[in-house]
Amino acid sequence: MKIATFNVNSIRSRMPAISAWLAGNTPDVLCLQETKVPDQAFPVAEIEATGYQVIFRGEKSYNGVAILSKVKPTRVQFGLDDGRSPDETRLIAARFGPVQVVNTYVPQGRAIEHAMYRYKLQWFERLREWFDRHFTPRTLLAWVGDLNVAPEAKDIHNADQQANHVCYHQAVRNAFERTKAWGFEDVFRKYHPEERGQAQHGLAG
């Protein structure tokens, strides 16, 4: 099963690139983040014209997640179901046969002293609890998306200058590692252990 992920930063402006990429690469599943469009304006017809089905949650100008697939998923979930803000435009999950795909757009955090950074740390904790509630480490599960974290110095080019960056600060790396410890393996690092300058986008459980 071929699964791809892409932060589109506005799906409407990226549709030509998405259509061309799908035609040339034909993944089984394509996960998108930061679609930045309310549901009623989502380009469903344009995506279906490529031969793919799509499920999505979005809002105007911010956030938004979508999963494109060759076949219809058998189960779909949106957001975190722990009684707090579900953040449906940041998490979408779908099952394809035995494989569960979880697509997330983790909060960026803005600045270390900002309330959104604390929210980001909490979001990772909530996500770990969500995995605990819905799956087991024996589940065939791929967690992908824009995770807004650089776990290792080699994931960025200038780590020595980024100690207080919201995507590299020690606290967020610790939060990410606690979530990853649920049972995930970084598939990029598995096959490219020494390559530098890559963002964290895909893990398998």
C-alpha atoms as a PDB file:
ATOM      1  CA  MET A   1       0.000   0.000   0.000  1.00  0.00           C
ATOM      2  CA  LYS A   2       1.444   3.348  -1.059  1.00  0.00           C
ATOM      3  CA  ILE A   3       0.632   6.236   1.310  1.00  0.00           C
ATOM      4  CA  ALA A   4       1.758   9.813   0.666  1.00  0.00           C
ATOM      5  CA  THR A   5       1.419  13.034   2.662  1.00  0.00           C
ATOM      6  CA  PHE A   6       1.577  16.713   1.697  1.00  0.00           C
ATOM      7  CA  ASN A   7       1.032  20.020   3.502  1.00  0.00           C
ATOM      8  CA  VAL A   8      -0.752  21.916   0.744  1.00  0.00           C
ATOM      9  CA  ASN A   9      -1.046  25.335   2.455  1.00  0.00           C
ATOM     10  CA  SER A  10      -4.370  25.953   0.605  1.00  0.00           C
ATOM     11  CA  ILE A  11      -5.761  23.108  -1.458  1.00  0.00           C
ATOM     12  CA  ARG A  12      -7.473  25.379  -3.965  1.00  0.00           C
ATOM     13  CA  SER A  13      -4.179  26.939  -5.008  1.00  0.00           C
ATOM     14  CA  ARG A  14      -2.461  23.532  -5.157  1.00  0.00           C
ATOM     15  CA  MET A  15      -5.047  21.569  -7.147  1.00  0.00           C
ATOM     16  CA  PRO A  16      -3.102  21.675 -10.442  1.00  0.00           C
ATOM     17  CA  ALA A  17       0.003  20.327  -8.703  1.00  0.00           C
ATOM     18  CA  ILE A  18      -2.004  17.687  -6.823  1.00  0.00           C
ATOM     19  CA  SER A  19      -3.760  16.494  -9.992  1.00  0.00           C
ATOM     20  CA  ALA A  20      -0.474  16.220 -11.895  1.00  0.00           C
ATOM     21  CA  TRP A  21       1.258  14.437  -9.006  1.00  0.00           C
ATOM     22  CA  LEU A  22      -1.564  11.918  -8.598  1.00  0.00           C
ATOM     23  CA  ALA A  23      -1.451  11.126 -12.306  1.00  0.00           C
ATOM     24  CA  GLY A  24       2.286  10.497 -12.196  1.00  0.00           C
ATOM     25  CA  ASN A  25       2.532   8.639  -8.887  1.00  0.00           C
ATOM     26  CA  THR A  26      -0.863   6.986  -8.271  1.00  0.00           C
ATOM     27  CA  PRO A  27      -0.652   6.416  -4.498  1.00  0.00           C
ATOM     28  CA  ASP A  28      -3.369   4.360  -2.833  1.00  0.00           C
ATOM     29  CA  VAL A  29      -3.824   7.128  -0.258  1.00  0.00           C
ATOM     30  CA  LEU A  30      -2.813  10.793  -0.203  1.00  0.00           C
ATOM     31  CA  CYS A  31      -3.119  12.704   3.073  1.00  0.00           C
ATOM     32  CA  LEU A  32      -3.319  16.498   2.948  1.00  0.00           C
ATOM     33  CA  GLN A  33      -2.941  19.093   5.683  1.00  0.00           C
ATOM     34  CA  GLU A  34      -3.612  22.818   5.987  1.00  0.00           C
ATOM     35  CA  THR A  35      -6.264  22.741   3.281  1.00  0.00           C
ATOM     36  CA  LYS A  36      -7.566  26.153   4.447  1.00  0.00           C
ATOM     37  CA  VAL A  37     -11.073  25.849   3.021  1.00  0.00           C
ATOM     38  CA  PRO A  38     -14.519  25.390   4.615  1.00  0.00           C
ATOM     39  CA  ASP A  39     -16.245  22.127   3.806  1.00  0.00           C
ATOM     40  CA  GLN A  40     -18.839  23.681   1.523  1.00  0.00           C
ATOM     41  CA  ALA A  41     -16.066  25.108  -0.698  1.00  0.00           C
ATOM     42  CA  PHE A  42     -13.842  22.017  -0.795  1.00  0.00           C
ATOM     43  CA  PRO A  43     -12.931  21.092  -4.416  1.00  0.00           C
ATOM     44  CA  VAL A  44     -14.613  17.677  -4.340  1.00  0.00           C
ATOM     45  CA  ALA A  45     -15.424  17.566  -8.057  1.00  0.00           C
ATOM     46  CA  GLU A  46     -11.847  18.427  -9.035  1.00  0.00           C
ATOM     47  CA  ILE A  47     -10.484  15.631  -6.869  1.00  0.00           C
ATOM     48  CA  GLU A  48     -13.036  13.101  -8.067  1.00  0.00           C
ATOM     49  CA  ALA A  49     -12.030  13.990 -11.635  1.00  0.00           C
ATOM     50  CA  THR A  50      -8.605  12.531 -10.845  1.00  0.00           C
ATOM     51  CA  GLY A  51     -10.213   9.185 -10.020  1.00  0.00           C
ATOM     52  CA  TYR A  52      -9.885   9.530  -6.248  1.00  0.00           C
ATOM     53  CA  GLN A  53     -12.454   9.657  -3.464  1.00  0.00           C
ATOM     54  CA  VAL A  54     -12.019  12.187  -0.669  1.00  0.00           C
ATOM     55  CA  ILE A  55     -13.005  12.758   2.951  1.00  0.00           C
ATOM     56  CA  PHE A  56     -12.228  16.032   4.703  1.00  0.00           C
ATOM     57  CA  ARG A  57     -12.779  18.584   7.448  1.00  0.00           C
ATOM     58  CA  GLY A  58     -11.788  22.204   7.038  1.00  0.00           C
ATOM     59  CA  GLU A  59     -12.311  25.836   7.904  1.00  0.00           C
ATOM     60  CA  LYS A  60     -11.753  29.129   6.175  1.00  0.00           C
ATOM     61  CA  SER A  61      -8.123  30.319   6.070  1.00  0.00           C
ATOM     62  CA  TYR A  62      -6.849  27.878   8.726  1.00  0.00           C
ATOM     63  CA  ASN A  63      -6.107  24.215   9.389  1.00  0.00           C
ATOM     64  CA  GLY A  64      -7.961  21.516   7.470  1.00  0.00           C
ATOM     65  CA  VAL A  65      -7.187  17.850   6.756  1.00  0.00           C
ATOM     66  CA  ALA A  66      -8.212  15.495   3.954  1.00  0.00           C
ATOM     67  CA  ILE A  67      -7.606  11.931   2.809  1.00  0.00           C
ATOM     68  CA  LEU A  68      -7.781  11.027  -0.877  1.00  0.00           C
ATOM     69  CA  SER A  69      -8.036   7.340  -1.734  1.00  0.00           C
ATOM     70  CA  LYS A  70      -8.573   4.971  -4.606  1.00  0.00           C
ATOM     71  CA  VAL A  71     -11.165   3.002  -2.632  1.00  0.00           C
ATOM     72  CA  LYS A  72     -13.728   4.106  -0.090  1.00  0.00           C
ATOM     73  CA  PRO A  73     -12.626   3.727   3.540  1.00  0.00           C
ATOM     74  CA  THR A  74     -14.634   1.389   5.731  1.00  0.00           C
ATOM     75  CA  ARG A  75     -14.462   3.612   8.814  1.00  0.00           C
ATOM     76  CA  VAL A  76     -13.848   7.352   9.239  1.00  0.00           C
ATOM     77  CA  GLN A  77     -13.144   9.390  12.389  1.00  0.00           C
ATOM     78  CA  PHE A  78     -12.671  13.126  12.869  1.00  0.00           C
ATOM     79  CA  GLY A  79     -10.973  14.876  15.772  1.00  0.00           C
ATOM     80  CA  LEU A  80     -10.060  13.963  19.337  1.00  0.00           C
ATOM     81  CA  ASP A  81     -12.956  12.504  21.320  1.00  0.00           C
ATOM     82  CA  ASP A  82     -11.901  13.231  24.894  1.00  0.00           C
ATOM     83  CA  GLY A  83     -14.610  15.746  25.823  1.00  0.00           C
ATOM     84  CA  ARG A  84     -12.469  18.774  25.078  1.00  0.00           C
ATOM     85  CA  SER A  85     -12.282  20.713  21.821  1.00  0.00           C
ATOM     86  CA  PRO A  86     -12.242  17.919  19.221  1.00  0.00           C
ATOM     87  CA  ASP A  87     -10.134  19.856  16.714  1.00  0.00           C
ATOM     88  CA  GLU A  88     -11.814  18.048  13.830  1.00  0.00           C
ATOM     89  CA  THR A  89      -9.888  20.144  11.311  1.00  0.00           C
ATOM     90  CA  ARG A  90      -6.599  18.766  12.687  1.00  0.00           C
ATOM     91  CA  LEU A  91      -7.211  15.017  12.728  1.00  0.00           C
ATOM     92  CA  ILE A  92      -8.849  12.602  10.318  1.00  0.00           C
ATOM     93  CA  ALA A  93      -8.554   8.825  10.409  1.00  0.00           C
ATOM     94  CA  ALA A  94      -9.710   6.200   7.939  1.00  0.00           C
ATOM     95  CA  ARG A  95      -9.486   2.431   7.613  1.00  0.00           C
ATOM     96  CA  PHE A  96      -8.591   0.776   4.316  1.00  0.00           C
ATOM     97  CA  GLY A  97      -8.876  -2.984   4.640  1.00  0.00           C
ATOM     98  CA  PRO A  98      -6.581  -3.965   7.524  1.00  0.00           C
ATOM     99  CA  VAL A  99      -4.670  -0.654   7.465  1.00  0.00           C
ATOM    100  CA  GLN A 100      -5.608   2.331   9.607  1.00  0.00           C
ATOM    101  CA  VAL A 101      -4.378   5.721   8.351  1.00  0.00           C
ATOM    102  CA  VAL A 102      -4.254   8.678  10.760  1.00  0.00           C
ATOM    103  CA  ASN A 103      -3.613  12.097   9.243  1.00  0.00           C
ATOM    104  CA  THR A 104      -2.799  14.969  11.621  1.00  0.00           C
ATOM    105  CA  TYR A 105      -2.011  18.647  11.396  1.00  0.00           C
ATOM    106  CA  VAL A 106      -0.359  19.240  14.769  1.00  0.00           C
ATOM    107  CA  PRO A 107      -0.517  22.837  16.109  1.00  0.00           C
ATOM    108  CA  GLN A 108       2.597  24.812  15.213  1.00  0.00           C
ATOM    109  CA  GLY A 109       2.809  26.611  18.562  1.00  0.00           C
ATOM    110  CA  ARG A 110       3.700  30.176  17.439  1.00  0.00           C
ATOM    111  CA  ALA A 111       6.226  30.973  20.215  1.00  0.00           C
ATOM    112  CA  ILE A 112       7.550  29.302  23.368  1.00  0.00           C
ATOM    113  CA  GLU A 113       5.792  31.791  25.654  1.00  0.00           C
ATOM    114  CA  HIS A 114       2.528  31.662  23.686  1.00  0.00           C
ATOM    115  CA  ALA A 115      -0.562  29.786  24.895  1.00  0.00           C
ATOM    116  CA  MET A 116      -0.608  27.871  21.590  1.00  0.00           C
ATOM    117  CA  TYR A 117       2.706  26.253  22.477  1.00  0.00           C
ATOM    118  CA  ARG A 118       1.233  24.884  25.690  1.00  0.00           C
ATOM    119  CA  TYR A 119      -1.757  23.758  23.646  1.00  0.00           C
ATOM    120  CA  LYS A 120       0.604  21.988  21.249  1.00  0.00           C
ATOM    121  CA  LEU A 121       2.240  20.036  24.084  1.00  0.00           C
ATOM    122  CA  GLN A 122      -1.205  19.099  25.415  1.00  0.00           C
ATOM    123  CA  TRP A 123      -2.289  18.100  21.905  1.00  0.00           C
ATOM    124  CA  PHE A 124       0.472  15.503  21.685  1.00  0.00           C
ATOM    125  CA  GLU A 125      -0.630  14.122  25.080  1.00  0.00           C
ATOM    126  CA  ARG A 126      -4.237  13.979  23.943  1.00  0.00           C
ATOM    127  CA  LEU A 127      -3.200  12.245  20.721  1.00  0.00           C
ATOM    128  CA  ARG A 128      -1.295   9.579  22.649  1.00  0.00           C
ATOM    129  CA  GLU A 129      -4.395   8.975  24.771  1.00  0.00           C
ATOM    130  CA  TRP A 130      -6.506   8.828  21.590  1.00  0.00           C
ATOM    131  CA  PHE A 131      -4.248   6.110  20.164  1.00  0.00           C
ATOM    132  CA  ASP A 132      -4.585   4.224  23.455  1.00  0.00           C
ATOM    133  CA  ARG A 133      -8.389   4.394  23.319  1.00  0.00           C
ATOM    134  CA  HIS A 134      -8.885   3.344  19.720  1.00  0.00           C
ATOM    135  CA  PHE A 135      -6.050   0.999  18.762  1.00  0.00           C
ATOM    136  CA  THR A 136      -3.390  -1.347  20.040  1.00  0.00           C
ATOM    137  CA  PRO A 137       0.266  -1.491  18.951  1.00  0.00           C
ATOM    138  CA  ARG A 138      -0.707  -4.626  16.991  1.00  0.00           C
ATOM    139  CA  THR A 139      -2.903  -2.500  14.697  1.00  0.00           C
ATOM    140  CA  LEU A 140      -1.552  -1.954  11.186  1.00  0.00           C
ATOM    141  CA  LEU A 141      -1.431   1.807  11.525  1.00  0.00           C
ATOM    142  CA  ALA A 142       0.265   4.634   9.657  1.00  0.00           C
ATOM    143  CA  TRP A 143       0.402   8.030  11.372  1.00  0.00           C
ATOM    144  CA  VAL A 144       1.259  10.767   8.884  1.00  0.00           C
ATOM    145  CA  GLY A 145       0.865  14.508   8.450  1.00  0.00           C
ATOM    146  CA  ASP A 146       2.450  17.788   9.343  1.00  0.00           C
ATOM    147  CA  LEU A 147       3.680  16.953  12.838  1.00  0.00           C
ATOM    148  CA  ASN A 148       5.441  20.294  13.389  1.00  0.00           C
ATOM    149  CA  VAL A 149       8.386  18.744  15.192  1.00  0.00           C
ATOM    150  CA  ALA A 150      12.026  18.049  14.371  1.00  0.00           C
ATOM    151  CA  PRO A 151      12.937  15.151  16.707  1.00  0.00           C
ATOM    152  CA  GLU A 152      16.657  15.097  15.891  1.00  0.00           C
ATOM    153  CA  ALA A 153      19.308  17.701  15.113  1.00  0.00           C
ATOM    154  CA  LYS A 154      19.781  16.177  11.669  1.00  0.00           C
ATOM    155  CA  ASP A 155      16.118  16.877  10.850  1.00  0.00           C
ATOM    156  CA  ILE A 156      16.964  20.574  10.450  1.00  0.00           C
ATOM    157  CA  HIS A 157      19.923  22.433   9.003  1.00  0.00           C
ATOM    158  CA  ASN A 158      20.735  24.798  11.886  1.00  0.00           C
ATOM    159  CA  ALA A 159      19.816  22.961  15.069  1.00  0.00           C
ATOM    160  CA  ASP A 160      22.426  24.821  17.111  1.00  0.00           C
ATOM    161  CA  GLN A 161      20.435  28.032  16.589  1.00  0.00           C
ATOM    162  CA  GLN A 162      16.956  26.570  17.155  1.00  0.00           C
ATOM    163  CA  ALA A 163      16.864  25.522  20.815  1.00  0.00           C
ATOM    164  CA  ASN A 164      13.838  27.758  21.469  1.00  0.00           C
ATOM    165  CA  HIS A 165      11.996  27.103  18.239  1.00  0.00           C
ATOM    166  CA  VAL A 166       8.501  25.705  18.837  1.00  0.00           C
ATOM    167  CA  CYS A 167       9.247  22.759  16.544  1.00  0.00           C
ATOM    168  CA  TYR A 168      12.613  21.864  18.071  1.00  0.00           C
ATOM    169  CA  HIS A 169      12.387  22.939  21.729  1.00  0.00           C
ATOM    170  CA  GLN A 170      13.222  20.074  24.075  1.00  0.00           C
ATOM    171  CA  ALA A 171       9.726  19.987  25.573  1.00  0.00           C
ATOM    172  CA  VAL A 172       8.038  19.419  22.221  1.00  0.00           C
ATOM    173  CA  ARG A 173      10.558  16.779  21.221  1.00  0.00           C
ATOM    174  CA  ASN A 174       9.842  14.999  24.506  1.00  0.00           C
ATOM    175  CA  ALA A 175       6.083  15.270  23.900  1.00  0.00           C
ATOM    176  CA  PHE A 176       6.491  13.821  20.419  1.00  0.00           C
ATOM    177  CA  GLU A 177       8.657  10.958  21.689  1.00  0.00           C
ATOM    178  CA  ARG A 178       6.042  10.034  24.305  1.00  0.00           C
ATOM    179  CA  THR A 179       3.427   9.816  21.563  1.00  0.00           C
ATOM    180  CA  LYS A 180       5.757   7.913  19.243  1.00  0.00           C
ATOM    181  CA  ALA A 181       6.494   5.460  22.075  1.00  0.00           C
ATOM    182  CA  TRP A 182       2.922   4.166  21.729  1.00  0.00           C
ATOM    183  CA  GLY A 183       4.434   1.804  19.168  1.00  0.00           C
ATOM    184  CA  PHE A 184       5.520   3.784  16.108  1.00  0.00           C
ATOM    185  CA  GLU A 185       8.630   3.564  13.977  1.00  0.00           C
ATOM    186  CA  ASP A 186       9.873   6.480  11.878  1.00  0.00           C
ATOM    187  CA  VAL A 187       9.802   4.925   8.422  1.00  0.00           C
ATOM    188  CA  PHE A 188      11.834   7.710   6.833  1.00  0.00           C
ATOM    189  CA  ARG A 189      14.661   7.242   9.328  1.00  0.00           C
ATOM    190  CA  LYS A 190      14.408   3.463   8.947  1.00  0.00           C
ATOM    191  CA  TYR A 191      15.374   3.689   5.275  1.00  0.00           C
ATOM    192  CA  HIS A 192      17.378   6.942   5.323  1.00  0.00           C
ATOM    193  CA  PRO A 193      19.119   6.926   8.720  1.00  0.00           C
ATOM    194  CA  GLU A 194      21.760   9.533   7.913  1.00  0.00           C
ATOM    195  CA  GLU A 195      19.980  11.901   5.540  1.00  0.00           C
ATOM    196  CA  ARG A 196      19.738  15.462   6.829  1.00  0.00           C
ATOM    197  CA  GLY A 197      17.209  18.271   6.603  1.00  0.00           C
ATOM    198  CA  GLN A 198      14.013  16.221   6.477  1.00  0.00           C
ATOM    199  CA  ALA A 199      10.822  17.078   8.353  1.00  0.00           C
ATOM    200  CA  GLN A 200       9.021  14.396  10.352  1.00  0.00           C
ATOM    201  CA  HIS A 201       5.992  13.268   8.357  1.00  0.00           C
ATOM    202  CA  GLY A 202       5.343   9.538   8.538  1.00  0.00           C
ATOM    203  CA  LEU A 203       5.412   6.788  11.137  1.00  0.00           C
ATOM    204  CA  ALA A 204       4.161   3.243  11.143  1.00  0.00           C
ATOM    205  CA  GLY A 205       2.830   1.227  14.028  1.00  0.00           C
END
